[in-house]
Amino acid sequence: MSNPNIAEEIRKAEVEPLLPIEKKLIAWSLGTGIVLLVILGVITRLYPVTI
């Protein structure tokens, strides 16, 4: 039994399109991350930490 070459197997694999639910999850994740970064930036500007 021979060991399959991973790169060759990946090249032979067919490209599968994203499902609609996967697109929604990606959009929600990116949106949540951006919103939380903005909130963190606003909090940091309003309450700066002095050391």
N, C-alpha and C. Protein backbone atom coordinates (compact mmCIF):
# COMPACT_ATOMS: atom_id res chain seq x y z
N MET A 1 0.85 -1.18 0.00
CA MET A 1 0.00 0.00 0.00
C MET A 1 0.90 1.24 0.00
N SER A 2 0.68 2.14 -0.93
CA SER A 2 1.51 3.33 -1.04
C SER A 2 0.87 4.49 -0.28
N ASN A 3 1.72 5.39 0.20
CA ASN A 3 1.24 6.58 0.90
C ASN A 3 0.80 7.61 -0.12
N PRO A 4 -0.40 8.16 0.02
CA PRO A 4 -0.86 9.18 -0.93
C PRO A 4 -0.11 10.49 -0.72
N ASN A 5 0.17 11.16 -1.80
CA ASN A 5 0.81 12.47 -1.74
C ASN A 5 -0.30 13.50 -1.47
N ILE A 6 -0.19 14.23 -0.37
CA ILE A 6 -1.25 15.15 0.05
C ILE A 6 -1.47 16.26 -0.99
N ALA A 7 -0.39 16.81 -1.52
CA ALA A 7 -0.51 17.88 -2.51
C ALA A 7 -1.25 17.39 -3.75
N GLU A 8 -0.96 16.17 -4.16
CA GLU A 8 -1.61 15.60 -5.34
C GLU A 8 -3.10 15.38 -5.08
N GLU A 9 -3.42 14.90 -3.89
CA GLU A 9 -4.82 14.67 -3.53
C GLU A 9 -5.60 15.98 -3.48
N ILE A 10 -4.97 17.04 -2.98
CA ILE A 10 -5.65 18.35 -2.92
C ILE A 10 -5.89 18.88 -4.33
N ARG A 11 -4.92 18.69 -5.23
CA ARG A 11 -5.09 19.14 -6.62
C ARG A 11 -6.22 18.39 -7.31
N LYS A 12 -6.40 17.12 -6.99
CA LYS A 12 -7.43 16.32 -7.64
C LYS A 12 -8.82 16.59 -7.07
N ALA A 13 -8.91 17.13 -5.88
CA ALA A 13 -10.20 17.37 -5.24
C ALA A 13 -10.98 18.45 -5.98
N GLU A 14 -12.28 18.24 -6.07
CA GLU A 14 -13.14 19.22 -6.72
C GLU A 14 -13.42 20.38 -5.78
N VAL A 15 -13.56 21.56 -6.35
CA VAL A 15 -13.88 22.75 -5.55
C VAL A 15 -15.37 22.74 -5.24
N GLU A 16 -15.69 22.85 -3.97
CA GLU A 16 -17.08 22.87 -3.55
C GLU A 16 -17.47 24.30 -3.18
N PRO A 17 -18.58 24.80 -3.72
CA PRO A 17 -19.01 26.15 -3.37
C PRO A 17 -19.49 26.21 -1.92
N LEU A 18 -19.41 27.40 -1.34
CA LEU A 18 -19.89 27.57 0.03
C LEU A 18 -21.41 27.47 0.07
N LEU A 19 -21.90 26.86 1.12
CA LEU A 19 -23.35 26.79 1.32
C LEU A 19 -23.84 28.14 1.82
N PRO A 20 -25.11 28.45 1.59
CA PRO A 20 -25.65 29.74 2.06
C PRO A 20 -25.46 29.94 3.57
N ILE A 21 -25.62 28.88 4.36
CA ILE A 21 -25.45 29.03 5.81
C ILE A 21 -24.00 29.33 6.15
N GLU A 22 -23.06 28.79 5.38
CA GLU A 22 -21.65 29.08 5.62
C GLU A 22 -21.35 30.54 5.31
N LYS A 23 -21.96 31.06 4.25
CA LYS A 23 -21.76 32.48 3.91
C LYS A 23 -22.32 33.37 5.01
N LYS A 24 -23.49 32.99 5.56
CA LYS A 24 -24.08 33.78 6.65
C LYS A 24 -23.20 33.73 7.89
N LEU A 25 -22.65 32.57 8.20
CA LEU A 25 -21.77 32.46 9.37
C LEU A 25 -20.51 33.30 9.21
N ILE A 26 -19.95 33.31 8.01
CA ILE A 26 -18.76 34.13 7.75
C ILE A 26 -19.10 35.60 7.91
N ALA A 27 -20.23 36.01 7.34
CA ALA A 27 -20.64 37.42 7.42
C ALA A 27 -20.89 37.82 8.87
N TRP A 28 -21.59 36.98 9.63
CA TRP A 28 -21.86 37.29 11.04
C TRP A 28 -20.57 37.37 11.85
N SER A 29 -19.65 36.47 11.58
CA SER A 29 -18.38 36.47 12.32
C SER A 29 -17.57 37.73 12.03
N LEU A 30 -17.47 38.08 10.75
CA LEU A 30 -16.74 39.30 10.40
C LEU A 30 -17.43 40.54 10.96
N GLY A 31 -18.74 40.59 10.85
CA GLY A 31 -19.49 41.73 11.37
C GLY A 31 -19.33 41.87 12.87
N THR A 32 -19.43 40.76 13.58
CA THR A 32 -19.27 40.80 15.03
C THR A 32 -17.87 41.25 15.41
N GLY A 33 -16.87 40.75 14.72
CA GLY A 33 -15.49 41.14 15.01
C GLY A 33 -15.25 42.62 14.79
N ILE A 34 -15.77 43.15 13.68
CA ILE A 34 -15.58 44.57 13.38
C ILE A 34 -16.30 45.44 14.41
N VAL A 35 -17.54 45.08 14.74
CA VAL A 35 -18.30 45.84 15.73
C VAL A 35 -17.59 45.83 17.08
N LEU A 36 -17.10 44.68 17.50
CA LEU A 36 -16.40 44.62 18.79
C LEU A 36 -15.10 45.42 18.78
N LEU A 37 -14.39 45.43 17.66
CA LEU A 37 -13.19 46.25 17.56
C LEU A 37 -13.52 47.74 17.68
N VAL A 38 -14.60 48.16 17.05
CA VAL A 38 -15.00 49.57 17.13
C VAL A 38 -15.39 49.91 18.57
N ILE A 39 -16.15 49.05 19.22
CA ILE A 39 -16.53 49.29 20.61
C ILE A 39 -15.30 49.37 21.50
N LEU A 40 -14.36 48.46 21.32
CA LEU A 40 -13.13 48.49 22.10
C LEU A 40 -12.34 49.78 21.86
N GLY A 41 -12.30 50.22 20.60
CA GLY A 41 -11.61 51.48 20.29
C GLY A 41 -12.26 52.68 20.97
N VAL A 42 -13.58 52.70 20.96
CA VAL A 42 -14.31 53.81 21.60
C VAL A 42 -14.07 53.79 23.11
N ILE A 43 -14.15 52.63 23.72
CA ILE A 43 -13.91 52.52 25.17
C ILE A 43 -12.50 52.95 25.50
N THR A 44 -11.52 52.56 24.68
CA THR A 44 -10.14 52.93 24.93
C THR A 44 -9.94 54.44 24.83
N ARG A 45 -10.63 55.07 23.89
CA ARG A 45 -10.52 56.53 23.75
C ARG A 45 -11.20 57.26 24.91
N LEU A 46 -12.31 56.73 25.39
CA LEU A 46 -13.04 57.39 26.47
C LEU A 46 -12.38 57.19 27.82
N TYR A 47 -11.81 56.01 28.03
CA TYR A 47 -11.19 55.68 29.32
C TYR A 47 -9.76 55.19 29.11
N PRO A 48 -8.85 56.11 28.82
CA PRO A 48 -7.46 55.68 28.58
C PRO A 48 -6.81 55.15 29.87
N VAL A 49 -5.94 54.18 29.70
CA VAL A 49 -5.24 53.59 30.84
C VAL A 49 -3.95 54.35 31.06
N THR A 50 -3.74 54.82 32.27
CA THR A 50 -2.50 55.51 32.59
C THR A 50 -1.69 54.65 33.54
N ILE A 51 -0.48 54.43 33.15
CA ILE A 51 0.39 53.55 33.97
C ILE A 51 1.47 54.39 34.64
